[in-house]
């Protein structure tokens, strides 16, 4: 009789899954299924500009006691 709690749990999980599917249909998640694949392969798209690289020589700035570590 300990297994009887599994029935309402499985029904509620199924209802949650069905609700999520119906929500995705209602918000038009399936309208453009091939758009992302076409955008990836589009050679005419403008290139993404490179990001400015941070200062790699000293990313933390200079401090008065650490500017010349050899002395």
Protein backbone atom coordinates (compact mmCIF):
# COMPACT_ATOMS: atom_id res chain seq x y z
CA UNK A 1 0.00 0.00 0.00
CA UNK A 2 3.03 2.29 0.12
CA UNK A 3 2.98 2.53 -3.66
CA UNK A 4 -0.39 4.34 -3.77
CA UNK A 5 1.29 7.73 -3.34
CA UNK A 6 3.03 7.21 -6.70
CA UNK A 7 -0.23 7.49 -8.66
CA UNK A 8 -1.03 11.12 -7.72
CA UNK A 9 2.62 12.07 -8.12
CA UNK A 10 2.76 10.62 -11.63
CA UNK A 11 -0.52 12.26 -12.61
CA UNK A 12 0.65 15.63 -11.30
CA UNK A 13 4.01 15.34 -13.12
CA UNK A 14 2.15 14.46 -16.33
CA UNK A 15 -0.13 17.46 -15.86
CA UNK A 16 2.89 19.73 -15.31
CA UNK A 17 4.50 18.39 -18.50
CA UNK A 18 1.29 18.86 -20.46
CA UNK A 19 0.95 22.37 -19.09
CA UNK A 20 4.52 23.22 -20.12
CA UNK A 21 3.87 21.88 -23.62
CA UNK A 22 0.63 23.84 -23.98
CA UNK A 23 2.38 26.98 -22.70
CA UNK A 24 5.09 26.54 -25.34
CA UNK A 25 2.44 26.21 -28.03
CA UNK A 26 0.62 29.29 -26.75
CA UNK A 27 3.79 31.44 -26.74
CA UNK A 28 4.74 30.39 -30.33
CA UNK A 29 7.93 28.57 -29.40
CA UNK A 30 7.59 26.30 -32.46
CA UNK A 31 7.00 28.97 -35.11
CA UNK A 32 10.53 29.17 -36.56
CA UNK A 33 12.20 25.77 -36.21
CA UNK A 34 14.79 26.27 -38.97
CA UNK A 35 15.63 29.93 -38.37
CA UNK A 36 18.54 29.34 -36.00
CA UNK A 37 20.15 26.83 -38.36
CA UNK A 38 19.89 29.25 -41.27
CA UNK A 39 21.30 32.13 -39.22
CA UNK A 40 24.34 30.03 -38.27
CA UNK A 41 25.11 29.20 -41.89
CA UNK A 42 24.37 32.66 -43.32
CA UNK A 43 27.61 33.93 -44.93
CA UNK A 44 26.12 37.38 -45.62
CA UNK A 45 25.70 38.26 -41.97
CA UNK A 46 27.92 41.09 -40.76
CA UNK A 47 30.84 39.91 -38.63
CA UNK A 48 30.70 40.35 -34.91
CA UNK A 49 33.21 43.02 -33.86
CA UNK A 50 35.97 41.75 -31.56
CA UNK A 51 35.77 42.62 -27.91
CA UNK A 52 38.37 44.90 -26.42
CA UNK A 53 40.93 42.75 -24.69
CA UNK A 54 41.78 43.63 -21.11
CA UNK A 55 45.25 44.76 -20.11
CA UNK A 56 46.99 41.40 -19.75
CA UNK A 57 50.33 42.79 -18.61
CA UNK A 58 48.98 44.00 -15.29
CA UNK A 59 45.24 43.42 -14.90
CA UNK A 60 45.22 44.62 -11.27
CA UNK A 61 46.95 47.96 -11.81
CA UNK A 62 50.23 49.02 -10.25
CA UNK A 63 50.91 49.39 -6.57
CA UNK A 64 53.82 51.37 -5.22
CA UNK A 65 55.58 48.44 -3.53
CA UNK A 66 55.05 45.89 -6.30
CA UNK A 67 55.96 47.83 -9.45
CA UNK A 68 59.58 46.56 -9.49
CA UNK A 69 59.66 43.00 -8.07
CA UNK A 70 63.39 42.43 -8.78
CA UNK A 71 64.70 44.98 -6.28
